Each structure stands twice: as structure tokens, then as C-alpha cells.
């Protein structure tokens, strides 16, 4: 009987030690969860006529946001997510939208003068009546129909990249 008690006691002590070691390892190996400083999330919000001019909105989320007539002049929107956003008549003069994911965005009537859309994903987005003078669309993925419409009014050279709007759209 004493023999069995000793065996069970050894097993319990071994199990407790194993649990303590495992728990200690987890505590010592724990890494803090860092928030993404500066990441803006305006998904599914109504922000008409809001002034974001000159702001750093890099990697921001405007998915489904209504920012019609908003002021984004000179804003940094690099690597932002704009899916299904409404930028109707917004001022994006000189805004940097490099590597932005902007599928199904409505830029109709927007001022995109000198805006940079380098390597942006802009499928199913609309640019009807948008001012695109000096905008750079180099490497951007756009629908052919939108490109053909924009080529009819494309002119100017982007002062930051030095690329002509017509060349960036591949106009003939």
C-alpha cells in the first residue's frame, strides 16, 4: 500500500512540476501585443465634407465610407483600403494613394489633380467627370473602359513623380 502511495505521489509531483514549467515557459515567452499606431479606421462611416487635408492617413481604412466632398488635398493615403468608398466630388489634389486597395470606389467628379495612384488596385472604380490633370496611375490596375474614358481628357505631368498622366494610363 505504501508503495502505491509513493508511486501516485511521484506522479502527482511530476505532473505539478510539468504544469509549473509549462506555465513558466508561457509567461517568460509571452510577447506584448502592439497596436498599429497611426492606423485610422473609418470603415462604414459617414464623413461628408470632412477636412483631412495634409493628414497622414497611411494604411487607413475607408472601406464603405462616405467621404463625398471631403478635403484630402496633400494627404498621405498610401496603402489604404478604400473598398466601396464614396469620394464623390472630393478634393484629392496632390494626395498620395500609392499601393492603395480601392476596388469599387466612386471618384466621380473628384479633383485628382497631381494625385499619385502608383501601383494601386482600382478595379470597378469610377472616375466619371474627375479632374485627372497631372495624376500618376503608373502600375495601377484599372478597368479598360475607365482608362479609355480618362485618356480622352488626360493631360499634364505629375510634379512629384515626373510622369505624364497619359503615359501612366497607357493612352495612345
N, C-alpha and C. Protein backbone atom coordinates (compact mmCIF):
# COMPACT_ATOMS: atom_id res chain seq x y z
N UNK A 1 0.82 -1.18 0.00
CA UNK A 1 0.00 0.00 0.00
C UNK A 1 0.87 1.26 0.00
N UNK A 2 1.91 1.27 0.85
CA UNK A 2 2.81 2.41 0.89
C UNK A 2 3.50 2.60 -0.46
N UNK A 3 3.77 1.49 -1.11
CA UNK A 3 4.43 1.54 -2.42
C UNK A 3 3.54 2.27 -3.44
N UNK A 4 2.25 1.95 -3.43
CA UNK A 4 1.31 2.57 -4.37
C UNK A 4 1.15 4.06 -4.08
N UNK A 5 1.13 4.42 -2.83
CA UNK A 5 1.00 5.83 -2.44
C UNK A 5 2.22 6.60 -2.93
N UNK A 6 3.41 6.01 -2.78
CA UNK A 6 4.64 6.66 -3.24
C UNK A 6 4.62 6.85 -4.76
N UNK A 7 4.15 5.86 -5.49
CA UNK A 7 4.08 5.95 -6.95
C UNK A 7 3.11 7.05 -7.36
N UNK A 8 1.95 7.09 -6.73
CA UNK A 8 0.96 8.12 -7.06
C UNK A 8 1.47 9.50 -6.66
N UNK A 9 2.13 9.59 -5.53
CA UNK A 9 2.69 10.85 -5.09
C UNK A 9 3.74 11.37 -6.07
N UNK A 10 4.60 10.46 -6.56
CA UNK A 10 5.63 10.84 -7.55
C UNK A 10 4.97 11.34 -8.84
N UNK A 11 3.92 10.65 -9.26
CA UNK A 11 3.22 11.05 -10.49
C UNK A 11 2.58 12.44 -10.31
N UNK A 12 1.95 12.68 -9.19
CA UNK A 12 1.30 13.96 -8.93
C UNK A 12 2.34 15.07 -8.87
N UNK A 13 3.44 14.82 -8.16
CA UNK A 13 4.51 15.82 -8.07
C UNK A 13 5.10 16.08 -9.46
N UNK A 14 5.29 15.06 -10.25
CA UNK A 14 5.81 15.21 -11.62
C UNK A 14 4.86 16.02 -12.50
N UNK A 15 3.57 15.76 -12.36
CA UNK A 15 2.56 16.49 -13.12
C UNK A 15 2.53 17.96 -12.72
N UNK A 16 2.60 18.22 -11.41
CA UNK A 16 2.61 19.60 -10.92
C UNK A 16 3.86 20.32 -11.44
N UNK A 17 5.02 19.67 -11.40
CA UNK A 17 6.25 20.28 -11.90
C UNK A 17 6.14 20.56 -13.40
N UNK A 18 5.57 19.62 -14.13
CA UNK A 18 5.39 19.81 -15.57
C UNK A 18 4.48 21.01 -15.84
N UNK A 19 3.39 21.13 -15.11
CA UNK A 19 2.49 22.25 -15.26
C UNK A 19 3.17 23.57 -14.90
N UNK A 20 3.96 23.57 -13.83
CA UNK A 20 4.68 24.78 -13.43
C UNK A 20 5.71 25.19 -14.48
N UNK A 21 6.43 24.22 -15.00
CA UNK A 21 7.42 24.52 -16.04
C UNK A 21 6.75 25.04 -17.32
N UNK A 22 5.66 24.40 -17.70
CA UNK A 22 4.93 24.84 -18.89
C UNK A 22 4.37 26.25 -18.68
N UNK A 23 3.77 26.48 -17.54
CA UNK A 23 3.25 27.81 -17.23
C UNK A 23 4.35 28.85 -17.19
N UNK A 24 5.48 28.52 -16.59
CA UNK A 24 6.62 29.44 -16.54
C UNK A 24 7.15 29.75 -17.93
N UNK A 25 7.21 28.72 -18.78
CA UNK A 25 7.67 28.93 -20.14
C UNK A 25 6.74 29.88 -20.90
N UNK A 26 5.43 29.69 -20.72
CA UNK A 26 4.47 30.55 -21.38
C UNK A 26 4.59 32.00 -20.91
N UNK A 27 4.77 32.18 -19.61
CA UNK A 27 4.90 33.53 -19.06
C UNK A 27 6.19 34.19 -19.54
N UNK A 28 7.29 33.47 -19.51
CA UNK A 28 8.57 34.04 -19.92
C UNK A 28 8.64 34.29 -21.43
N UNK A 29 7.92 33.50 -22.20
CA UNK A 29 7.96 33.63 -23.64
C UNK A 29 6.87 34.56 -24.18
N UNK A 30 6.05 35.11 -23.31
CA UNK A 30 4.95 35.96 -23.75
C UNK A 30 5.48 37.23 -24.40
N UNK A 31 4.84 37.62 -25.47
CA UNK A 31 5.21 38.85 -26.17
C UNK A 31 4.02 39.80 -26.11
N UNK A 32 4.29 41.08 -25.90
CA UNK A 32 3.18 42.03 -25.83
C UNK A 32 2.52 42.20 -27.20
N UNK A 33 1.24 42.45 -27.21
CA UNK A 33 0.51 42.73 -28.45
C UNK A 33 0.55 44.23 -28.67
N UNK A 34 1.20 44.64 -29.75
CA UNK A 34 1.33 46.06 -30.04
C UNK A 34 0.25 46.48 -31.01
N UNK A 35 -0.42 47.55 -30.71
CA UNK A 35 -1.41 48.11 -31.64
C UNK A 35 -0.69 48.79 -32.78
N UNK A 36 -1.38 48.98 -33.88
CA UNK A 36 -0.79 49.65 -35.01
C UNK A 36 -0.99 51.15 -34.84
N UNK A 37 0.06 51.81 -34.40
CA UNK A 37 0.00 53.23 -34.14
C UNK A 37 -0.26 53.98 -35.44
N UNK A 38 -1.19 54.90 -35.40
CA UNK A 38 -1.47 55.74 -36.55
C UNK A 38 -2.41 55.14 -37.57
N UNK A 39 -2.85 53.92 -37.40
CA UNK A 39 -3.77 53.32 -38.36
C UNK A 39 -5.16 53.86 -38.08
N UNK A 40 -5.75 54.44 -39.11
CA UNK A 40 -7.05 55.07 -39.00
C UNK A 40 -8.11 54.12 -39.54
N UNK A 41 -9.22 53.97 -38.85
CA UNK A 41 -10.29 53.10 -39.33
C UNK A 41 -11.61 53.88 -39.36
N UNK A 42 -11.98 54.27 -40.59
CA UNK A 42 -13.24 54.96 -40.80
C UNK A 42 -14.20 54.09 -41.61
N UNK A 43 -14.07 52.78 -41.51
CA UNK A 43 -14.91 51.86 -42.29
C UNK A 43 -16.38 52.10 -41.97
N UNK A 44 -17.18 52.13 -43.03
CA UNK A 44 -18.64 52.25 -42.94
C UNK A 44 -19.12 53.50 -42.18
N UNK A 45 -18.37 54.59 -42.30
CA UNK A 45 -18.77 55.83 -41.62
C UNK A 45 -19.24 56.87 -42.63
N UNK A 46 -20.04 57.80 -42.18
CA UNK A 46 -20.48 58.92 -43.00
C UNK A 46 -19.69 60.15 -42.58
N UNK A 47 -18.81 60.60 -43.49
CA UNK A 47 -17.95 61.74 -43.19
C UNK A 47 -17.98 62.77 -44.32
N UNK A 48 -19.15 63.16 -44.79
CA UNK A 48 -19.20 64.11 -45.91
C UNK A 48 -18.60 65.45 -45.51
N UNK A 49 -17.88 66.04 -46.47
CA UNK A 49 -17.29 67.37 -46.33
C UNK A 49 -16.28 67.48 -45.19
N UNK A 50 -15.71 66.38 -44.77
CA UNK A 50 -14.71 66.37 -43.70
C UNK A 50 -13.36 66.85 -44.23
N UNK A 51 -12.58 67.54 -43.43
CA UNK A 51 -11.27 68.06 -43.84
C UNK A 51 -10.15 67.14 -43.34
N UNK A 52 -9.55 66.42 -44.27
CA UNK A 52 -8.40 65.55 -43.98
C UNK A 52 -7.16 66.08 -44.67
N UNK A 53 -7.18 67.31 -45.12
CA UNK A 53 -6.08 67.86 -45.91
C UNK A 53 -4.76 67.80 -45.14
N UNK A 54 -3.73 67.34 -45.86
CA UNK A 54 -2.38 67.28 -45.31
C UNK A 54 -2.15 66.24 -44.23
N UNK A 55 -3.14 65.44 -43.91
CA UNK A 55 -3.00 64.47 -42.82
C UNK A 55 -2.31 63.18 -43.27
N UNK A 56 -1.66 62.53 -42.32
CA UNK A 56 -1.04 61.23 -42.58
C UNK A 56 -2.08 60.16 -42.26
N UNK A 57 -2.67 59.60 -43.31
CA UNK A 57 -3.70 58.58 -43.18
C UNK A 57 -3.18 57.24 -43.74
N UNK A 58 -1.86 57.10 -43.76
CA UNK A 58 -1.25 55.90 -44.33
C UNK A 58 -1.81 54.64 -43.68
N UNK A 59 -2.14 53.66 -44.54
CA UNK A 59 -2.69 52.37 -44.12
C UNK A 59 -4.05 52.53 -43.44
N UNK A 60 -4.71 53.64 -43.69
CA UNK A 60 -6.04 53.87 -43.13
C UNK A 60 -7.09 53.04 -43.84
N UNK A 61 -8.21 52.88 -43.18
CA UNK A 61 -9.31 52.10 -43.74
C UNK A 61 -10.53 53.01 -43.92
N UNK A 62 -10.95 53.16 -45.17
CA UNK A 62 -12.13 53.94 -45.51
C UNK A 62 -13.14 53.05 -46.25
N UNK A 63 -13.09 51.76 -46.02
CA UNK A 63 -13.96 50.80 -46.72
C UNK A 63 -15.42 51.13 -46.44
N UNK A 64 -16.18 51.35 -47.50
CA UNK A 64 -17.59 51.64 -47.36
C UNK A 64 -17.91 53.01 -46.79
N UNK A 65 -16.90 53.86 -46.63
CA UNK A 65 -17.11 55.19 -46.04
C UNK A 65 -17.67 56.17 -47.09
N UNK A 66 -18.47 57.08 -46.64
CA UNK A 66 -19.00 58.14 -47.49
C UNK A 66 -18.26 59.42 -47.13
N UNK A 67 -17.29 59.78 -47.98
CA UNK A 67 -16.49 60.98 -47.74
C UNK A 67 -16.68 61.98 -48.88
N UNK A 68 -17.89 61.98 -49.45
CA UNK A 68 -18.16 62.90 -50.57
C UNK A 68 -17.87 64.34 -50.18
N UNK A 69 -17.30 65.05 -51.15
CA UNK A 69 -16.89 66.44 -50.99
C UNK A 69 -15.88 66.65 -49.86
N UNK A 70 -15.22 65.58 -49.43
CA UNK A 70 -14.19 65.69 -48.40
C UNK A 70 -12.92 66.32 -48.96
N UNK A 71 -12.13 66.90 -48.09
CA UNK A 71 -10.88 67.54 -48.50
C UNK A 71 -9.71 66.66 -48.07
N UNK A 72 -9.07 66.04 -49.07
CA UNK A 72 -7.90 65.19 -48.84
C UNK A 72 -6.67 65.78 -49.54
N UNK A 73 -6.69 67.07 -49.82
CA UNK A 73 -5.58 67.71 -50.53
C UNK A 73 -4.27 67.51 -49.77
N UNK A 74 -3.29 66.95 -50.48
CA UNK A 74 -1.97 66.73 -49.89
C UNK A 74 -1.92 65.64 -48.83
N UNK A 75 -2.96 64.86 -48.69
CA UNK A 75 -3.00 63.81 -47.65
C UNK A 75 -2.19 62.59 -48.08
N UNK A 76 -1.64 61.90 -47.11
CA UNK A 76 -0.93 60.64 -47.34
C UNK A 76 -1.90 59.49 -47.09
N UNK A 77 -2.33 58.86 -48.18
CA UNK A 77 -3.25 57.73 -48.10
C UNK A 77 -2.57 56.45 -48.61
N UNK A 78 -1.25 56.41 -48.53
CA UNK A 78 -0.52 55.24 -49.04
C UNK A 78 -1.01 53.96 -48.36
N UNK A 79 -1.14 52.92 -49.18
CA UNK A 79 -1.52 51.57 -48.72
C UNK A 79 -2.82 51.55 -47.94
N UNK A 80 -3.72 52.45 -48.26
CA UNK A 80 -5.02 52.49 -47.58
C UNK A 80 -6.01 51.54 -48.25
N UNK A 81 -7.07 51.24 -47.53
CA UNK A 81 -8.14 50.39 -48.06
C UNK A 81 -9.37 51.28 -48.26
N UNK A 82 -9.79 51.39 -49.52
CA UNK A 82 -10.90 52.28 -49.86
C UNK A 82 -12.09 51.53 -50.46
N UNK A 83 -12.14 50.24 -50.35
CA UNK A 83 -13.17 49.42 -50.97
C UNK A 83 -14.57 49.99 -50.76
N UNK A 84 -15.29 50.18 -51.87
CA UNK A 84 -16.66 50.68 -51.89
C UNK A 84 -16.84 52.06 -51.23
N UNK A 85 -15.78 52.84 -51.14
CA UNK A 85 -15.89 54.18 -50.56
C UNK A 85 -16.47 55.14 -51.59
N UNK A 86 -17.05 56.23 -51.11
CA UNK A 86 -17.63 57.25 -51.98
C UNK A 86 -16.82 58.53 -51.82
N UNK A 87 -16.00 58.82 -52.84
CA UNK A 87 -15.19 60.04 -52.87
C UNK A 87 -15.79 61.02 -53.89
N UNK A 88 -17.09 61.02 -54.02
CA UNK A 88 -17.81 61.86 -54.97
C UNK A 88 -17.47 63.32 -54.72
N UNK A 89 -16.94 64.00 -55.74
CA UNK A 89 -16.59 65.42 -55.68
C UNK A 89 -15.59 65.76 -54.56
N UNK A 90 -14.81 64.79 -54.13
CA UNK A 90 -13.80 65.03 -53.09
C UNK A 90 -12.57 65.71 -53.70
N UNK A 91 -11.85 66.45 -52.88
CA UNK A 91 -10.62 67.10 -53.33
C UNK A 91 -9.43 66.26 -52.89
N UNK A 92 -8.81 65.58 -53.86
CA UNK A 92 -7.64 64.75 -53.59
C UNK A 92 -6.41 65.35 -54.29
N UNK A 93 -6.38 66.67 -54.43
CA UNK A 93 -5.28 67.35 -55.09
C UNK A 93 -3.96 67.02 -54.38
N UNK A 94 -3.03 66.44 -55.13
CA UNK A 94 -1.71 66.13 -54.59
C UNK A 94 -1.69 65.02 -53.55
N UNK A 95 -2.78 64.29 -53.40
CA UNK A 95 -2.82 63.19 -52.42
C UNK A 95 -2.00 62.01 -52.93
N UNK A 96 -1.37 61.29 -52.01
CA UNK A 96 -0.58 60.11 -52.36
C UNK A 96 -1.37 58.86 -52.00
N UNK A 97 -1.82 58.16 -53.04
CA UNK A 97 -2.60 56.94 -52.87
C UNK A 97 -1.82 55.73 -53.39
N UNK A 98 -0.51 55.78 -53.29
CA UNK A 98 0.35 54.69 -53.74
C UNK A 98 -0.02 53.40 -53.03
N UNK A 99 -0.11 52.32 -53.81
CA UNK A 99 -0.40 50.97 -53.31
C UNK A 99 -1.73 50.88 -52.55
N UNK A 100 -2.65 51.76 -52.87
CA UNK A 100 -3.96 51.74 -52.24
C UNK A 100 -4.82 50.63 -52.84
N UNK A 101 -5.62 49.99 -52.01
CA UNK A 101 -6.58 49.00 -52.48
C UNK A 101 -7.92 49.69 -52.55
N UNK A 102 -8.32 50.04 -53.78
CA UNK A 102 -9.53 50.83 -53.95
C UNK A 102 -10.47 50.23 -54.97
N UNK A 103 -10.93 49.04 -54.76
CA UNK A 103 -11.89 48.46 -55.70
C UNK A 103 -13.29 49.00 -55.43
N UNK A 104 -14.03 49.24 -56.51
CA UNK A 104 -15.42 49.71 -56.46
C UNK A 104 -15.57 51.06 -55.75
N UNK A 105 -14.59 51.94 -55.93
CA UNK A 105 -14.64 53.28 -55.33
C UNK A 105 -15.23 54.26 -56.34
N UNK A 106 -16.04 55.18 -55.88
CA UNK A 106 -16.62 56.20 -56.75
C UNK A 106 -15.85 57.51 -56.58
N UNK A 107 -15.01 57.81 -57.59
CA UNK A 107 -14.25 59.06 -57.62
C UNK A 107 -14.91 60.07 -58.56
N UNK A 108 -16.17 59.87 -58.91
CA UNK A 108 -16.85 60.74 -59.87
C UNK A 108 -16.84 62.19 -59.40
N UNK A 109 -16.44 63.07 -60.32
CA UNK A 109 -16.41 64.50 -60.02
C UNK A 109 -15.31 64.92 -59.06
N UNK A 110 -14.46 64.00 -58.67
CA UNK A 110 -13.38 64.32 -57.71
C UNK A 110 -12.26 65.10 -58.40
N UNK A 111 -11.54 65.90 -57.64
CA UNK A 111 -10.37 66.61 -58.14
C UNK A 111 -9.15 65.77 -57.79
N UNK A 112 -8.59 65.11 -58.80
CA UNK A 112 -7.42 64.24 -58.62
C UNK A 112 -6.17 64.88 -59.21
N UNK A 113 -6.17 66.19 -59.33
CA UNK A 113 -5.02 66.91 -59.88
C UNK A 113 -3.76 66.57 -59.08
N UNK A 114 -2.75 66.10 -59.79
CA UNK A 114 -1.44 65.75 -59.21
C UNK A 114 -1.50 64.62 -58.17
N UNK A 115 -2.57 63.88 -58.11
CA UNK A 115 -2.67 62.74 -57.19
C UNK A 115 -1.78 61.60 -57.70
N UNK A 116 -1.32 60.77 -56.78
CA UNK A 116 -0.46 59.64 -57.14
C UNK A 116 -1.17 58.34 -56.80
N UNK A 117 -1.44 57.55 -57.84
CA UNK A 117 -2.10 56.26 -57.69
C UNK A 117 -1.16 55.12 -58.11
N UNK A 118 0.13 55.29 -57.93
CA UNK A 118 1.11 54.30 -58.36
C UNK A 118 0.85 52.95 -57.70
N UNK A 119 0.79 51.89 -58.53
CA UNK A 119 0.60 50.51 -58.07
C UNK A 119 -0.67 50.31 -57.25
N UNK A 120 -1.68 51.12 -57.49
CA UNK A 120 -2.95 50.99 -56.76
C UNK A 120 -3.86 49.98 -57.45
N UNK A 121 -4.70 49.32 -56.69
CA UNK A 121 -5.70 48.40 -57.22
C UNK A 121 -7.01 49.16 -57.27
N UNK A 122 -7.48 49.49 -58.48
CA UNK A 122 -8.65 50.34 -58.64
C UNK A 122 -9.71 49.69 -59.53
N UNK A 123 -9.86 48.39 -59.45
CA UNK A 123 -10.83 47.68 -60.29
C UNK A 123 -12.25 48.09 -59.94
N UNK A 124 -13.08 48.18 -60.97
CA UNK A 124 -14.50 48.53 -60.85
C UNK A 124 -14.73 49.89 -60.20
N UNK A 125 -13.71 50.73 -60.19
CA UNK A 125 -13.85 52.09 -59.65
C UNK A 125 -14.26 53.03 -60.77
N UNK A 126 -14.96 54.11 -60.41
CA UNK A 126 -15.47 55.07 -61.39
C UNK A 126 -14.77 56.41 -61.24
N UNK A 127 -14.42 56.98 -62.39
CA UNK A 127 -13.74 58.27 -62.43
C UNK A 127 -14.50 59.24 -63.34
N UNK A 128 -15.83 59.11 -63.45
CA UNK A 128 -16.62 59.95 -64.33
C UNK A 128 -16.50 61.41 -63.92
N UNK A 129 -16.15 62.25 -64.88
CA UNK A 129 -16.01 63.70 -64.69
C UNK A 129 -14.97 64.09 -63.63
N UNK A 130 -14.06 63.18 -63.28
CA UNK A 130 -12.99 63.51 -62.33
C UNK A 130 -11.90 64.31 -63.05
N UNK A 131 -11.34 65.28 -62.37
CA UNK A 131 -10.21 66.05 -62.92
C UNK A 131 -8.95 65.24 -62.64
N UNK A 132 -8.26 64.83 -63.71
CA UNK A 132 -7.09 63.95 -63.54
C UNK A 132 -5.80 64.60 -64.04
N UNK A 133 -5.80 65.89 -64.22
CA UNK A 133 -4.63 66.61 -64.72
C UNK A 133 -3.42 66.35 -63.82
N UNK A 134 -2.36 65.81 -64.42
CA UNK A 134 -1.12 65.56 -63.67
C UNK A 134 -1.18 64.38 -62.72
N UNK A 135 -2.25 63.59 -62.76
CA UNK A 135 -2.34 62.41 -61.88
C UNK A 135 -1.45 61.30 -62.44
N UNK A 136 -0.84 60.52 -61.57
CA UNK A 136 0.03 59.41 -61.98
C UNK A 136 -0.64 58.08 -61.62
N UNK A 137 -0.96 57.29 -62.65
CA UNK A 137 -1.60 55.99 -62.47
C UNK A 137 -0.63 54.86 -62.83
N UNK A 138 0.67 55.10 -62.77
CA UNK A 138 1.66 54.09 -63.16
C UNK A 138 1.50 52.82 -62.36
N UNK A 139 1.37 51.69 -63.08
CA UNK A 139 1.27 50.39 -62.42
C UNK A 139 -0.07 50.12 -61.76
N UNK A 140 -1.00 51.07 -61.86
CA UNK A 140 -2.33 50.89 -61.25
C UNK A 140 -3.15 49.92 -62.10
N UNK A 141 -3.99 49.16 -61.44
CA UNK A 141 -4.89 48.24 -62.13
C UNK A 141 -6.26 48.90 -62.21
N UNK A 142 -6.65 49.22 -63.45
CA UNK A 142 -7.90 49.92 -63.73
C UNK A 142 -8.69 49.16 -64.79
N UNK A 143 -9.99 49.36 -64.80
CA UNK A 143 -10.81 48.78 -65.86
C UNK A 143 -10.52 49.48 -67.19
N UNK A 144 -10.49 48.72 -68.28
CA UNK A 144 -10.19 49.28 -69.59
C UNK A 144 -11.15 50.40 -69.98
N UNK A 145 -12.40 50.21 -69.66
CA UNK A 145 -13.40 51.22 -70.01
C UNK A 145 -13.08 52.55 -69.32
N UNK A 146 -12.75 52.51 -68.04
CA UNK A 146 -12.41 53.73 -67.31
C UNK A 146 -11.15 54.37 -67.90
N UNK A 147 -10.17 53.54 -68.25
CA UNK A 147 -8.94 54.07 -68.85
C UNK A 147 -9.26 54.77 -70.17
N UNK A 148 -10.10 54.16 -70.99
CA UNK A 148 -10.44 54.79 -72.27
C UNK A 148 -11.13 56.13 -72.06
N UNK A 149 -12.02 56.22 -71.08
CA UNK A 149 -12.67 57.50 -70.78
C UNK A 149 -11.68 58.53 -70.25
N UNK A 150 -10.77 58.09 -69.39
CA UNK A 150 -9.80 59.03 -68.82
C UNK A 150 -8.79 59.49 -69.87
N UNK A 151 -8.45 58.63 -70.82
CA UNK A 151 -7.50 59.02 -71.86
C UNK A 151 -8.03 60.16 -72.71
N UNK A 152 -9.34 60.29 -72.81
CA UNK A 152 -9.94 61.38 -73.59
C UNK A 152 -9.65 62.75 -72.97
N UNK A 153 -9.40 62.79 -71.67
CA UNK A 153 -9.17 64.08 -71.01
C UNK A 153 -7.84 64.14 -70.25
N UNK A 154 -7.02 63.10 -70.40
CA UNK A 154 -5.74 63.05 -69.66
C UNK A 154 -4.75 64.07 -70.21
N UNK A 155 -4.15 64.82 -69.29
CA UNK A 155 -3.11 65.78 -69.66
C UNK A 155 -2.29 66.11 -68.41
N UNK A 156 -1.16 66.71 -68.63
CA UNK A 156 -0.33 67.16 -67.53
C UNK A 156 0.70 66.14 -67.08
N UNK A 157 1.62 66.63 -66.26
CA UNK A 157 2.71 65.81 -65.71
C UNK A 157 2.67 65.95 -64.20
N UNK A 158 2.81 64.83 -63.52
CA UNK A 158 2.81 64.86 -62.06
C UNK A 158 4.10 65.51 -61.56
N UNK A 159 4.01 66.57 -60.75
CA UNK A 159 5.21 67.28 -60.30
C UNK A 159 6.09 66.46 -59.35
N UNK A 160 5.53 65.47 -58.68
CA UNK A 160 6.30 64.66 -57.74
C UNK A 160 7.02 63.52 -58.44
N UNK A 161 6.31 62.81 -59.31
CA UNK A 161 6.90 61.63 -59.98
C UNK A 161 7.51 61.96 -61.33
N UNK A 162 7.09 63.08 -61.94
CA UNK A 162 7.59 63.45 -63.26
C UNK A 162 6.98 62.64 -64.39
N UNK A 163 5.92 61.89 -64.11
CA UNK A 163 5.27 61.04 -65.10
C UNK A 163 4.05 61.75 -65.67
N UNK A 164 3.90 61.69 -66.99
CA UNK A 164 2.74 62.27 -67.66
C UNK A 164 1.52 61.40 -67.40
N UNK A 165 0.39 62.02 -67.21
CA UNK A 165 -0.85 61.30 -66.95
C UNK A 165 -1.17 60.34 -68.10
N UNK A 166 -1.04 60.81 -69.33
CA UNK A 166 -1.32 59.96 -70.48
C UNK A 166 -0.41 58.74 -70.51
N UNK A 167 0.85 58.92 -70.20
CA UNK A 167 1.79 57.79 -70.21
C UNK A 167 1.45 56.81 -69.09
N UNK A 168 1.07 57.34 -67.93
CA UNK A 168 0.78 56.44 -66.79
C UNK A 168 -0.47 55.61 -67.05
N UNK A 169 -1.39 56.13 -67.88
CA UNK A 169 -2.60 55.38 -68.23
C UNK A 169 -2.41 54.48 -69.45
N UNK A 170 -1.29 54.67 -70.15
CA UNK A 170 -1.04 53.89 -71.35
C UNK A 170 -1.87 54.36 -72.53
N UNK A 171 -2.20 55.65 -72.55
CA UNK A 171 -3.01 56.22 -73.64
C UNK A 171 -2.20 56.23 -74.94
N UNK A 172 -2.93 56.06 -76.06
CA UNK A 172 -2.26 56.10 -77.38
C UNK A 172 -2.36 57.47 -77.98
